[in-house]
C-alpha atoms as a PDB file:
ATOM      1  CA  MET A   1      40.233-122.026 -12.845  1.00  0.00           C
ATOM      2  CA  VAL A   2      39.437-123.138 -16.345  1.00  0.00           C
ATOM      3  CA  THR A   3      39.057-126.478 -17.515  1.00  0.00           C
ATOM      4  CA  GLU A   4      37.519-128.120 -20.499  1.00  0.00           C
ATOM      5  CA  THR A   5      36.228-131.626 -20.493  1.00  0.00           C
ATOM      6  CA  ARG A   6      35.544-133.476 -23.855  1.00  0.00           C
ATOM      7  CA  SER A   7      33.835-136.862 -22.258  1.00  0.00           C
ATOM      8  CA  PRO A   8      31.104-137.449 -19.638  1.00  0.00           C
ATOM      9  CA  GLU A   9      33.922-138.776 -18.068  1.00  0.00           C
ATOM     10  CA  GLU A  10      36.047-136.446 -17.495  1.00  0.00           C
ATOM     11  CA  THR A  11      33.491-133.956 -16.850  1.00  0.00           C
ATOM     12  CA  TYR A  12      33.258-136.750 -13.886  1.00  0.00           C
ATOM     13  CA  ALA A  13      36.822-137.311 -13.322  1.00  0.00           C
ATOM     14  CA  LEU A  14      36.757-133.411 -12.697  1.00  0.00           C
ATOM     15  CA  GLY A  15      34.018-133.563 -10.262  1.00  0.00           C
ATOM     16  CA  GLU A  16      35.709-136.919  -8.280  1.00  0.00           C
ATOM     17  CA  LYS A  17      39.348-134.793  -7.776  1.00  0.00           C
ATOM     18  CA  ILE A  18      36.960-132.313  -5.998  1.00  0.00           C
ATOM     19  CA  GLY A  19      35.291-134.483  -4.350  1.00  0.00           C
ATOM     20  CA  LYS A  20      38.872-135.833  -3.140  1.00  0.00           C
ATOM     21  CA  ALA A  21      40.084-132.611  -1.898  1.00  0.00           C
ATOM     22  CA  ALA A  22      36.942-131.343  -0.290  1.00  0.00           C
ATOM     23  CA  ARG A  23      37.117-130.267   3.057  1.00  0.00           C
ATOM     24  CA  PRO A  24      34.450-130.040   6.191  1.00  0.00           C
ATOM     25  CA  GLY A  25      31.872-126.753   5.239  1.00  0.00           C
ATOM     26  CA  GLN A  26      32.827-125.796   2.074  1.00  0.00           C
ATOM     27  CA  ILE A  27      29.684-124.860  -0.116  1.00  0.00           C
ATOM     28  CA  TYR A  28      30.216-125.277  -3.943  1.00  0.00           C
ATOM     29  CA  THR A  29      27.712-123.528  -6.043  1.00  0.00           C
ATOM     30  CA  LEU A  30      26.497-125.539  -9.526  1.00  0.00           C
ATOM     31  CA  THR A  31      25.097-123.439 -12.126  1.00  0.00           C
ATOM     32  CA  GLY A  32      25.013-124.618 -15.402  1.00  0.00           C
ATOM     33  CA  ASP A  33      21.748-125.020 -18.265  1.00  0.00           C
ATOM     34  CA  LEU A  34      20.007-128.287 -18.325  1.00  0.00           C
ATOM     35  CA  GLY A  35      22.075-131.075 -19.329  1.00  0.00           C
ATOM     36  CA  VAL A  36      24.946-129.501 -19.625  1.00  0.00           C
ATOM     37  CA  GLY A  37      26.568-132.185 -16.734  1.00  0.00           C
ATOM     38  CA  LYS A  38      25.281-130.730 -13.388  1.00  0.00           C
ATOM     39  CA  THR A  39      24.530-134.315 -12.622  1.00  0.00           C
ATOM     40  CA  VAL A  40      27.521-136.339 -13.976  1.00  0.00           C
ATOM     41  CA  PHE A  41      30.179-133.904 -12.196  1.00  0.00           C
ATOM     42  CA  THR A  42      27.694-134.427  -8.879  1.00  0.00           C
ATOM     43  CA  GLN A  43      28.469-137.692  -9.565  1.00  0.00           C
ATOM     44  CA  GLY A  44      31.899-137.273  -9.100  1.00  0.00           C
ATOM     45  CA  VAL A  45      31.886-134.991  -6.414  1.00  0.00           C
ATOM     46  CA  ALA A  46      30.412-137.859  -4.689  1.00  0.00           C
ATOM     47  CA  ALA A  47      32.434-140.590  -5.609  1.00  0.00           C
ATOM     48  CA  GLY A  48      35.592-138.406  -4.630  1.00  0.00           C
ATOM     49  CA  LEU A  49      34.441-138.526  -1.152  1.00  0.00           C
ATOM     50  CA  GLY A  50      33.338-141.882  -1.189  1.00  0.00           C
ATOM     51  CA  ILE A  51      30.087-142.302  -1.631  1.00  0.00           C
ATOM     52  CA  THR A  52      29.005-145.535  -3.503  1.00  0.00           C
ATOM     53  CA  GLU A  53      25.434-144.994  -3.600  1.00  0.00           C
ATOM     54  CA  PRO A  54      23.427-144.065  -6.453  1.00  0.00           C
ATOM     55  CA  VAL A  55      23.520-139.975  -6.932  1.00  0.00           C
ATOM     56  CA  SER A  56      20.569-138.433  -8.790  1.00  0.00           C
ATOM     57  CA  SER A  57      19.479-134.856  -8.556  1.00  0.00           C
ATOM     58  CA  PRO A  58      16.863-133.993  -5.441  1.00  0.00           C
ATOM     59  CA  THR A  59      15.074-131.756  -8.030  1.00  0.00           C
ATOM     60  CA  PHE A  60      11.374-132.642  -5.860  1.00  0.00           C
ATOM     61  CA  THR A  61      13.011-133.349  -2.321  1.00  0.00           C
ATOM     62  CA  ILE A  62      15.558-129.888  -2.697  1.00  0.00           C
ATOM     63  CA  VAL A  63      18.329-131.585  -0.879  1.00  0.00           C
ATOM     64  CA  GLN A  64      19.429-135.193  -0.685  1.00  0.00           C
ATOM     65  CA  VAL A  65      21.630-136.326   2.247  1.00  0.00           C
ATOM     66  CA  TYR A  66      24.674-138.555   2.055  1.00  0.00           C
ATOM     67  CA  GLU A  67      26.576-139.631   4.787  1.00  0.00           C
ATOM     68  CA  GLU A  68      28.569-143.082   3.623  1.00  0.00           C
ATOM     69  CA  GLY A  69      31.691-141.226   2.702  1.00  0.00           C
ATOM     70  CA  ARG A  70      34.475-139.719   4.308  1.00  0.00           C
ATOM     71  CA  LEU A  71      32.237-136.057   4.801  1.00  0.00           C
ATOM     72  CA  PRO A  72      29.114-135.761   4.986  1.00  0.00           C
ATOM     73  CA  PHE A  73      26.948-134.197   1.458  1.00  0.00           C
ATOM     74  CA  TYR A  74      24.653-132.287   1.285  1.00  0.00           C
ATOM     75  CA  HIS A  75      23.514-132.186  -2.304  1.00  0.00           C
ATOM     76  CA  PHE A  76      20.755-129.492  -3.046  1.00  0.00           C
ATOM     77  CA  ASP A  77      18.296-128.713  -6.065  1.00  0.00           C
ATOM     78  CA  VAL A  78      16.703-125.711  -5.436  1.00  0.00           C
ATOM     79  CA  TYR A  79      15.212-124.902  -8.884  1.00  0.00           C
ATOM     80  CA  ARG A  80      11.848-125.400  -7.766  1.00  0.00           C
ATOM     81  CA  ILE A  81      12.311-122.895  -4.905  1.00  0.00           C
ATOM     82  CA  GLY A  82       8.829-120.879  -4.633  1.00  0.00           C
ATOM     83  CA  ASP A  83      10.629-119.085  -1.517  1.00  0.00           C
ATOM     84  CA  ILE A  84      13.686-118.192   0.765  1.00  0.00           C
ATOM     85  CA  GLU A  85      11.314-119.684   3.108  1.00  0.00           C
ATOM     86  CA  GLU A  86      11.521-122.826   2.356  1.00  0.00           C
ATOM     87  CA  MET A  87      15.105-123.458   2.721  1.00  0.00           C
ATOM     88  CA  GLU A  88      14.444-121.824   5.701  1.00  0.00           C
ATOM     89  CA  GLU A  89      11.450-124.662   6.503  1.00  0.00           C
ATOM     90  CA  ILE A  90      14.461-127.553   5.747  1.00  0.00           C
ATOM     91  CA  GLY A  91      16.787-126.047   8.093  1.00  0.00           C
ATOM     92  CA  TYR A  92      19.413-125.284   5.285  1.00  0.00           C
ATOM     93  CA  ASP A  93      21.335-123.632   7.968  1.00  0.00           C
ATOM     94  CA  ASP A  94      21.950-126.872   9.805  1.00  0.00           C
ATOM     95  CA  TYR A  95      23.591-128.258   6.343  1.00  0.00           C
ATOM     96  CA  PHE A  96      25.780-124.455   5.349  1.00  0.00           C
ATOM     97  CA  PHE A  97      26.935-124.984   8.774  1.00  0.00           C
ATOM     98  CA  GLY A  98      27.645-128.566   9.197  1.00  0.00           C
ATOM     99  CA  ASP A  99      30.674-130.867   9.004  1.00  0.00           C
ATOM    100  CA  GLY A 100      29.382-132.325   5.311  1.00  0.00           C
ATOM    101  CA  ILE A 101      29.651-129.893   2.293  1.00  0.00           C
ATOM    102  CA  CYS A 102      27.008-128.783   0.338  1.00  0.00           C
ATOM    103  CA  LEU A 103      26.616-128.565  -3.446  1.00  0.00           C
ATOM    104  CA  ILE A 104      23.780-126.549  -4.546  1.00  0.00           C
ATOM    105  CA  GLU A 105      22.516-126.867  -8.278  1.00  0.00           C
ATOM    106  CA  TRP A 106      20.709-123.527  -9.351  1.00  0.00           C
ATOM    107  CA  ALA A 107      22.195-121.225  -6.331  1.00  0.00           C
ATOM    108  CA  GLU A 108      21.268-118.239  -8.129  1.00  0.00           C
ATOM    109  CA  LEU A 109      18.285-118.729  -7.083  1.00  0.00           C
ATOM    110  CA  ILE A 110      18.828-118.369  -3.533  1.00  0.00           C
ATOM    111  CA  GLU A 111      21.737-115.962  -3.739  1.00  0.00           C
ATOM    112  CA  GLU A 112      20.883-113.882  -1.017  1.00  0.00           C
ATOM    113  CA  ILE A 113      21.574-116.609   1.886  1.00  0.00           C
ATOM    114  CA  LEU A 114      24.841-118.205   1.070  1.00  0.00           C
ATOM    115  CA  PRO A 115      27.638-117.076   2.845  1.00  0.00           C
ATOM    116  CA  GLU A 116      30.356-115.191   1.304  1.00  0.00           C
ATOM    117  CA  ASN A 117      33.400-118.152   1.061  1.00  0.00           C
ATOM    118  CA  ILE A 118      31.258-120.565  -1.833  1.00  0.00           C
ATOM    119  CA  ILE A 119      33.042-122.155  -4.249  1.00  0.00           C
ATOM    120  CA  SER A 120      31.602-121.362  -7.573  1.00  0.00           C
ATOM    121  CA  ILE A 121      31.544-123.887 -10.483  1.00  0.00           C
ATOM    122  CA  THR A 122      29.595-123.131 -14.104  1.00  0.00           C
ATOM    123  CA  ILE A 123      29.738-125.831 -16.801  1.00  0.00           C
ATOM    124  CA  GLU A 124      28.818-124.637 -20.346  1.00  0.00           C
ATOM    125  CA  LYS A 125      28.850-126.205 -23.550  1.00  0.00           C
ATOM    126  CA  ASP A 126      30.041-125.274 -26.950  1.00  0.00           C
ATOM    127  CA  LEU A 127      28.772-127.325 -29.765  1.00  0.00           C
ATOM    128  CA  THR A 128      31.707-125.580 -32.050  1.00  0.00           C
ATOM    129  CA  GLN A 129      33.841-127.758 -29.921  1.00  0.00           C
ATOM    130  CA  GLY A 130      31.444-130.780 -30.326  1.00  0.00           C
ATOM    131  CA  PHE A 131      28.781-132.508 -28.782  1.00  0.00           C
ATOM    132  CA  ASP A 132      30.321-133.468 -25.317  1.00  0.00           C
ATOM    133  CA  TYR A 133      33.114-130.233 -24.995  1.00  0.00           C
ATOM    134  CA  ARG A 134      32.456-129.056 -21.861  1.00  0.00           C
ATOM    135  CA  LYS A 135      34.194-125.969 -20.093  1.00  0.00           C
ATOM    136  CA  ILE A 136      34.098-125.637 -16.585  1.00  0.00           C
ATOM    137  CA  THR A 137      35.279-122.312 -14.332  1.00  0.00           C
ATOM    138  CA  VAL A 138      36.205-122.752 -11.219  1.00  0.00           C
ATOM    139  CA  LYS A 139      36.150-119.937  -8.646  1.00  0.00           C
ATOM    140  CA  GLY A 140      37.007-119.535  -5.181  1.00  0.00           C
ATOM    141  CA  LEU A 141      38.778-122.754  -4.661  1.00  0.00           C
END
């Protein structure tokens, strides 16, 4: 599925739609350059799950847990992971195989530990289409 958005609000709305449809155990990988809108998309997913607390990228904590929604939401940012052992130290498998959903930014850095059935989301800019234009590709849904 490929969707084009032309504003942060549309990117948020797509994330919200995915959050509303999310099922326990799903793992989403989120790929895109810095400043492409990964956090806005993630905030939409959280809203779709019924999470009202502020959502920001867990760059320094690796994982942020939100439990107030209809499903637990585990938001990973593995950009600063130096070694897969760091994922083992935080008990990633409890999150990956738990009752909530996982959304993993920069997941290409931990490919070797990702389960097979992931949902891959890529967000791309194309400045020739406008500053707020985003092409969002979802595979595996």
